[in-house]
Amino acid sequence: MQAATHVRASAIPSVTGALRAVESFLLRGGQRTARRNAWTSVLEDRRRAKDRVEAQHVMEAVAGRASRAT
């Protein structure tokens, strides 16, 4: 009779989870907070740049219609 082999399944961490684990191990709390704040600022700057481009396109479209109407 063969002995039953028990295999223990464990979830493979996502890449993001693994990177966060390494980050928390390597960086102290203040550095981690500063890094996340910097990344949040980058994302906010990108959002504002996108909004500016969209606003510029709207302004150009309105200006083009106004010049054709006169």
PDB file of N, CA and C in Angstrom:
ATOM      1  N   MET A   1       0.840  -1.166   0.000  1.00  0.00           N
ATOM      2  CA  MET A   1       0.000   0.000   0.000  1.00  0.00           C
ATOM      3  C   MET A   1       0.894   1.240   0.000  1.00  0.00           C
ATOM      4  N   GLN A   2       0.556   2.220  -0.837  1.00  0.00           N
ATOM      5  CA  GLN A   2       1.374   3.423  -0.932  1.00  0.00           C
ATOM      6  C   GLN A   2       0.886   4.472   0.062  1.00  0.00           C
ATOM      7  N   ALA A   3       1.830   5.205   0.590  1.00  0.00           N
ATOM      8  CA  ALA A   3       1.486   6.295   1.507  1.00  0.00           C
ATOM      9  C   ALA A   3       0.979   7.479   0.702  1.00  0.00           C
ATOM     10  N   ALA A   4      -0.042   8.100   1.189  1.00  0.00           N
ATOM     11  CA  ALA A   4      -0.602   9.267   0.502  1.00  0.00           C
ATOM     12  C   ALA A   4       0.359  10.437   0.634  1.00  0.00           C
ATOM     13  N   THR A   5       0.603  11.093  -0.470  1.00  0.00           N
ATOM     14  CA  THR A   5       1.470  12.257  -0.468  1.00  0.00           C
ATOM     15  C   THR A   5       0.598  13.496  -0.392  1.00  0.00           C
ATOM     16  N   HIS A   6       0.853  14.308   0.588  1.00  0.00           N
ATOM     17  CA  HIS A   6       0.077  15.541   0.743  1.00  0.00           C
ATOM     18  C   HIS A   6       0.833  16.690   0.097  1.00  0.00           C
ATOM     19  N   VAL A   7       0.163  17.338  -0.803  1.00  0.00           N
ATOM     20  CA  VAL A   7       0.747  18.504  -1.463  1.00  0.00           C
ATOM     21  C   VAL A   7       0.041  19.728  -0.911  1.00  0.00           C
ATOM     22  N   ARG A   8       0.831  20.644  -0.451  1.00  0.00           N
ATOM     23  CA  ARG A   8       0.258  21.861   0.109  1.00  0.00           C
ATOM     24  C   ARG A   8       0.283  22.953  -0.945  1.00  0.00           C
ATOM     25  N   ALA A   9      -0.878  23.424  -1.304  1.00  0.00           N
ATOM     26  CA  ALA A   9      -0.970  24.475  -2.321  1.00  0.00           C
ATOM     27  C   ALA A   9      -0.896  25.830  -1.642  1.00  0.00           C
ATOM     28  N   SER A  10      -0.113  26.680  -2.215  1.00  0.00           N
ATOM     29  CA  SER A  10      -0.065  28.055  -1.721  1.00  0.00           C
ATOM     30  C   SER A  10      -0.207  28.982  -2.916  1.00  0.00           C
ATOM     31  N   ALA A  11      -0.868  30.075  -2.686  1.00  0.00           N
ATOM     32  CA  ALA A  11      -1.106  31.033  -3.766  1.00  0.00           C
ATOM     33  C   ALA A  11       0.215  31.676  -4.177  1.00  0.00           C
ATOM     34  N   ILE A  12       0.398  31.792  -5.458  1.00  0.00           N
ATOM     35  CA  ILE A  12       1.586  32.469  -5.983  1.00  0.00           C
ATOM     36  C   ILE A  12       1.308  33.966  -5.913  1.00  0.00           C
ATOM     37  N   PRO A  13       2.180  34.714  -5.266  1.00  0.00           N
ATOM     38  CA  PRO A  13       1.916  36.149  -5.145  1.00  0.00           C
ATOM     39  C   PRO A  13       2.002  36.839  -6.499  1.00  0.00           C
ATOM     40  N   SER A  14       1.222  37.857  -6.651  1.00  0.00           N
ATOM     41  CA  SER A  14       1.284  38.626  -7.889  1.00  0.00           C
ATOM     42  C   SER A  14       2.610  39.385  -7.930  1.00  0.00           C
ATOM     43  N   VAL A  15       2.950  39.847  -9.088  1.00  0.00           N
ATOM     44  CA  VAL A  15       4.190  40.617  -9.241  1.00  0.00           C
ATOM     45  C   VAL A  15       4.110  41.883  -8.385  1.00  0.00           C
ATOM     46  N   THR A  16       2.947  42.527  -8.411  1.00  0.00           N
ATOM     47  CA  THR A  16       2.781  43.748  -7.613  1.00  0.00           C
ATOM     48  C   THR A  16       2.947  43.447  -6.132  1.00  0.00           C
ATOM     49  N   GLY A  17       2.325  42.365  -5.684  1.00  0.00           N
ATOM     50  CA  GLY A  17       2.440  41.995  -4.277  1.00  0.00           C
ATOM     51  C   GLY A  17       3.872  41.687  -3.896  1.00  0.00           C
ATOM     52  N   ALA A  18       4.576  40.987  -4.780  1.00  0.00           N
ATOM     53  CA  ALA A  18       5.977  40.655  -4.512  1.00  0.00           C
ATOM     54  C   ALA A  18       6.833  41.918  -4.446  1.00  0.00           C
ATOM     55  N   LEU A  19       6.589  42.846  -5.366  1.00  0.00           N
ATOM     56  CA  LEU A  19       7.361  44.096  -5.362  1.00  0.00           C
ATOM     57  C   LEU A  19       7.079  44.913  -4.111  1.00  0.00           C
ATOM     58  N   ARG A  20       5.828  44.930  -3.683  1.00  0.00           N
ATOM     59  CA  ARG A  20       5.502  45.665  -2.454  1.00  0.00           C
ATOM     60  C   ARG A  20       6.163  45.020  -1.240  1.00  0.00           C
ATOM     61  N   ALA A  21       6.240  43.696  -1.238  1.00  0.00           N
ATOM     62  CA  ALA A  21       6.890  43.012  -0.126  1.00  0.00           C
ATOM     63  C   ALA A  21       8.372  43.360  -0.084  1.00  0.00           C
ATOM     64  N   VAL A  22       9.015  43.366  -1.240  1.00  0.00           N
ATOM     65  CA  VAL A  22      10.437  43.733  -1.309  1.00  0.00           C
ATOM     66  C   VAL A  22      10.614  45.191  -0.906  1.00  0.00           C
ATOM     67  N   GLU A  23       9.724  46.049  -1.397  1.00  0.00           N
ATOM     68  CA  GLU A  23       9.792  47.467  -1.055  1.00  0.00           C
ATOM     69  C   GLU A  23       9.682  47.668   0.455  1.00  0.00           C
ATOM     70  N   SER A  24       8.726  47.001   1.079  1.00  0.00           N
ATOM     71  CA  SER A  24       8.550  47.192   2.524  1.00  0.00           C
ATOM     72  C   SER A  24       9.729  46.633   3.304  1.00  0.00           C
ATOM     73  N   PHE A  25      10.374  45.604   2.769  1.00  0.00           N
ATOM     74  CA  PHE A  25      11.546  45.039   3.430  1.00  0.00           C
ATOM     75  C   PHE A  25      12.735  45.982   3.318  1.00  0.00           C
ATOM     76  N   LEU A  26      12.920  46.564   2.142  1.00  0.00           N
ATOM     77  CA  LEU A  26      14.096  47.392   1.889  1.00  0.00           C
ATOM     78  C   LEU A  26      13.956  48.825   2.391  1.00  0.00           C
ATOM     79  N   LEU A  27      12.761  49.350   2.329  1.00  0.00           N
ATOM     80  CA  LEU A  27      12.574  50.749   2.673  1.00  0.00           C
ATOM     81  C   LEU A  27      11.886  50.898   4.017  1.00  0.00           C
ATOM     82  N   ARG A  28      12.257  51.897   4.724  1.00  0.00           N
ATOM     83  CA  ARG A  28      11.588  52.214   5.976  1.00  0.00           C
ATOM     84  C   ARG A  28      10.298  52.947   5.661  1.00  0.00           C
ATOM     85  N   GLY A  29       9.451  53.104   6.639  1.00  0.00           N
ATOM     86  CA  GLY A  29       8.137  53.702   6.440  1.00  0.00           C
ATOM     87  C   GLY A  29       8.155  55.061   5.780  1.00  0.00           C
ATOM     88  N   GLY A  30       9.029  55.945   6.212  1.00  0.00           N
ATOM     89  CA  GLY A  30       9.077  57.294   5.646  1.00  0.00           C
ATOM     90  C   GLY A  30       9.471  57.298   4.189  1.00  0.00           C
ATOM     91  N   GLN A  31      10.444  56.486   3.836  1.00  0.00           N
ATOM     92  CA  GLN A  31      10.873  56.412   2.444  1.00  0.00           C
ATOM     93  C   GLN A  31       9.762  55.842   1.569  1.00  0.00           C
ATOM     94  N   ARG A  32       9.086  54.844   2.088  1.00  0.00           N
ATOM     95  CA  ARG A  32       7.999  54.222   1.331  1.00  0.00           C
ATOM     96  C   ARG A  32       6.878  55.231   1.099  1.00  0.00           C
ATOM     97  N   THR A  33       6.541  55.988   2.135  1.00  0.00           N
ATOM     98  CA  THR A  33       5.495  57.006   2.007  1.00  0.00           C
ATOM     99  C   THR A  33       5.917  58.068   0.993  1.00  0.00           C
ATOM    100  N   ALA A  34       7.154  58.505   1.056  1.00  0.00           N
ATOM    101  CA  ALA A  34       7.649  59.521   0.118  1.00  0.00           C
ATOM    102  C   ALA A  34       7.590  58.998  -1.313  1.00  0.00           C
ATOM    103  N   ARG A  35       7.946  57.752  -1.501  1.00  0.00           N
ATOM    104  CA  ARG A  35       7.932  57.169  -2.843  1.00  0.00           C
ATOM    105  C   ARG A  35       6.501  57.079  -3.374  1.00  0.00           C
ATOM    106  N   ARG A  36       5.582  56.657  -2.527  1.00  0.00           N
ATOM    107  CA  ARG A  36       4.179  56.562  -2.963  1.00  0.00           C
ATOM    108  C   ARG A  36       3.605  57.942  -3.237  1.00  0.00           C
ATOM    109  N   ASN A  37       3.956  58.923  -2.407  1.00  0.00           N
ATOM    110  CA  ASN A  37       3.489  60.290  -2.650  1.00  0.00           C
ATOM    111  C   ASN A  37       4.034  60.821  -3.970  1.00  0.00           C
ATOM    112  N   ALA A  38       5.283  60.515  -4.263  1.00  0.00           N
ATOM    113  CA  ALA A  38       5.881  60.961  -5.525  1.00  0.00           C
ATOM    114  C   ALA A  38       5.151  60.320  -6.700  1.00  0.00           C
ATOM    115  N   TRP A  39       4.841  59.042  -6.593  1.00  0.00           N
ATOM    116  CA  TRP A  39       4.150  58.352  -7.684  1.00  0.00           C
ATOM    117  C   TRP A  39       2.736  58.918  -7.854  1.00  0.00           C
ATOM    118  N   THR A  40       2.071  59.222  -6.746  1.00  0.00           N
ATOM    119  CA  THR A  40       0.741  59.828  -6.815  1.00  0.00           C
ATOM    120  C   THR A  40       0.827  61.172  -7.528  1.00  0.00           C
ATOM    121  N   SER A  41       1.880  61.929  -7.262  1.00  0.00           N
ATOM    122  CA  SER A  41       2.067  63.220  -7.933  1.00  0.00           C
ATOM    123  C   SER A  41       2.277  63.039  -9.432  1.00  0.00           C
ATOM    124  N   VAL A  42       3.040  62.032  -9.803  1.00  0.00           N
ATOM    125  CA  VAL A  42       3.268  61.747 -11.227  1.00  0.00           C
ATOM    126  C   VAL A  42       1.938  61.436 -11.910  1.00  0.00           C
ATOM    127  N   LEU A  43       1.133  60.587 -11.284  1.00  0.00           N
ATOM    128  CA  LEU A  43      -0.156  60.228 -11.876  1.00  0.00           C
ATOM    129  C   LEU A  43      -1.079  61.443 -11.985  1.00  0.00           C
ATOM    130  N   GLU A  44      -1.055  62.295 -10.970  1.00  0.00           N
ATOM    131  CA  GLU A  44      -1.881  63.503 -10.992  1.00  0.00           C
ATOM    132  C   GLU A  44      -1.411  64.459 -12.088  1.00  0.00           C
ATOM    133  N   ASP A  45      -0.091  64.596 -12.259  1.00  0.00           N
ATOM    134  CA  ASP A  45       0.437  65.448 -13.337  1.00  0.00           C
ATOM    135  C   ASP A  45       0.016  64.918 -14.699  1.00  0.00           C
ATOM    136  N   ARG A  46       0.044  63.605 -14.869  1.00  0.00           N
ATOM    137  CA  ARG A  46      -0.388  63.012 -16.145  1.00  0.00           C
ATOM    138  C   ARG A  46      -1.864  63.285 -16.397  1.00  0.00           C
ATOM    139  N   ARG A  47      -2.681  63.195 -15.335  1.00  0.00           N
ATOM    140  CA  ARG A  47      -4.109  63.456 -15.486  1.00  0.00           C
ATOM    141  C   ARG A  47      -4.358  64.910 -15.887  1.00  0.00           C
ATOM    142  N   ARG A  48      -3.631  65.833 -15.227  1.00  0.00           N
ATOM    143  CA  ARG A  48      -3.790  67.251 -15.561  1.00  0.00           C
ATOM    144  C   ARG A  48      -3.328  67.537 -16.992  1.00  0.00           C
ATOM    145  N   ALA A  49      -2.247  66.906 -17.430  1.00  0.00           N
ATOM    146  CA  ALA A  49      -1.761  67.097 -18.802  1.00  0.00           C
ATOM    147  C   ALA A  49      -2.803  66.600 -19.800  1.00  0.00           C
ATOM    148  N   LYS A  50      -3.413  65.467 -19.514  1.00  0.00           N
ATOM    149  CA  LYS A  50      -4.457  64.934 -20.388  1.00  0.00           C
ATOM    150  C   LYS A  50      -5.637  65.887 -20.441  1.00  0.00           C
ATOM    151  N   ASP A  51      -6.023  66.423 -19.278  1.00  0.00           N
ATOM    152  CA  ASP A  51      -7.124  67.388 -19.231  1.00  0.00           C
ATOM    153  C   ASP A  51      -6.797  68.640 -20.040  1.00  0.00           C
ATOM    154  N   ARG A  52      -5.538  69.116 -19.965  1.00  0.00           N
ATOM    155  CA  ARG A  52      -5.129  70.301 -20.735  1.00  0.00           C
ATOM    156  C   ARG A  52      -5.238  70.040 -22.227  1.00  0.00           C
ATOM    157  N   VAL A  53      -4.803  68.865 -22.659  1.00  0.00           N
ATOM    158  CA  VAL A  53      -4.862  68.525 -24.091  1.00  0.00           C
ATOM    159  C   VAL A  53      -6.316  68.470 -24.552  1.00  0.00           C
ATOM    160  N   GLU A  54      -7.168  67.857 -23.748  1.00  0.00           N
ATOM    161  CA  GLU A  54      -8.593  67.784 -24.107  1.00  0.00           C
ATOM    162  C   GLU A  54      -9.207  69.180 -24.170  1.00  0.00           C
ATOM    163  N   ALA A  55      -8.872  70.036 -23.208  1.00  0.00           N
ATOM    164  CA  ALA A  55      -9.388  71.406 -23.204  1.00  0.00           C
ATOM    165  C   ALA A  55      -8.888  72.177 -24.429  1.00  0.00           C
ATOM    166  N   GLN A  56      -7.635  71.963 -24.796  1.00  0.00           N
ATOM    167  CA  GLN A  56      -7.078  72.635 -25.970  1.00  0.00           C
ATOM    168  C   GLN A  56      -7.826  72.206 -27.232  1.00  0.00           C
ATOM    169  N   HIS A  57      -8.126  70.922 -27.348  1.00  0.00           N
ATOM    170  CA  HIS A  57      -8.863  70.442 -28.522  1.00  0.00           C
ATOM    171  C   HIS A  57     -10.258  71.052 -28.589  1.00  0.00           C
ATOM    172  N   VAL A  58     -10.912  71.173 -27.440  1.00  0.00           N
ATOM    173  CA  VAL A  58     -12.240  71.790 -27.405  1.00  0.00           C
ATOM    174  C   VAL A  58     -12.138  73.253 -27.823  1.00  0.00           C
ATOM    175  N   MET A  59     -11.158  73.980 -27.276  1.00  0.00           N
ATOM    176  CA  MET A  59     -10.985  75.397 -27.612  1.00  0.00           C
ATOM    177  C   MET A  59     -10.710  75.570 -29.105  1.00  0.00           C
ATOM    178  N   GLU A  60      -9.876  74.701 -29.674  1.00  0.00           N
ATOM    179  CA  GLU A  60      -9.575  74.797 -31.111  1.00  0.00           C
ATOM    180  C   GLU A  60     -10.818  74.512 -31.945  1.00  0.00           C
ATOM    181  N   ALA A  61     -11.622  73.537 -31.501  1.00  0.00           N
ATOM    182  CA  ALA A  61     -12.844  73.224 -32.241  1.00  0.00           C
ATOM    183  C   ALA A  61     -13.822  74.392 -32.187  1.00  0.00           C
ATOM    184  N   VAL A  62     -13.968  75.021 -31.018  1.00  0.00           N
ATOM    185  CA  VAL A  62     -14.867  76.169 -30.871  1.00  0.00           C
ATOM    186  C   VAL A  62     -14.342  77.344 -31.695  1.00  0.00           C
ATOM    187  N   ALA A  63     -13.049  77.576 -31.673  1.00  0.00           N
ATOM    188  CA  ALA A  63     -12.455  78.680 -32.444  1.00  0.00           C
ATOM    189  C   ALA A  63     -12.637  78.431 -33.937  1.00  0.00           C
ATOM    190  N   GLY A  64     -12.527  77.196 -34.363  1.00  0.00           N
ATOM    191  CA  GLY A  64     -12.709  76.878 -35.783  1.00  0.00           C
ATOM    192  C   GLY A  64     -14.129  77.120 -36.226  1.00  0.00           C
ATOM    193  N   ARG A  65     -15.101  76.794 -35.385  1.00  0.00           N
ATOM    194  CA  ARG A  65     -16.515  77.043 -35.713  1.00  0.00           C
ATOM    195  C   ARG A  65     -16.815  78.549 -35.728  1.00  0.00           C
ATOM    196  N   ALA A  66     -16.236  79.270 -34.788  1.00  0.00           N
ATOM    197  CA  ALA A  66     -16.494  80.710 -34.707  1.00  0.00           C
ATOM    198  C   ALA A  66     -15.929  81.430 -35.940  1.00  0.00           C
ATOM    199  N   SER A  67     -14.769  81.018 -36.408  1.00  0.00           N
ATOM    200  CA  SER A  67     -14.169  81.697 -37.558  1.00  0.00           C
ATOM    201  C   SER A  67     -14.940  81.368 -38.835  1.00  0.00           C
ATOM    202  N   ARG A  68     -15.538  80.193 -38.916  1.00  0.00           N
ATOM    203  CA  ARG A  68     -16.347  79.837 -40.082  1.00  0.00           C
ATOM    204  C   ARG A  68     -17.695  80.554 -40.082  1.00  0.00           C
ATOM    205  N   ALA A  69     -18.160  80.902 -38.881  1.00  0.00           N
ATOM    206  CA  ALA A  69     -19.480  81.549 -38.778  1.00  0.00           C
ATOM    207  C   ALA A  69     -19.425  83.007 -39.166  1.00  0.00           C
ATOM    208  N   THR A  70     -18.282  83.629 -39.160  1.00  0.00           N
ATOM    209  CA  THR A  70     -18.188  85.058 -39.480  1.00  0.00           C
ATOM    210  C   THR A  70     -17.886  85.284 -40.934  1.00  0.00           C
TER     211      THR A  70
END
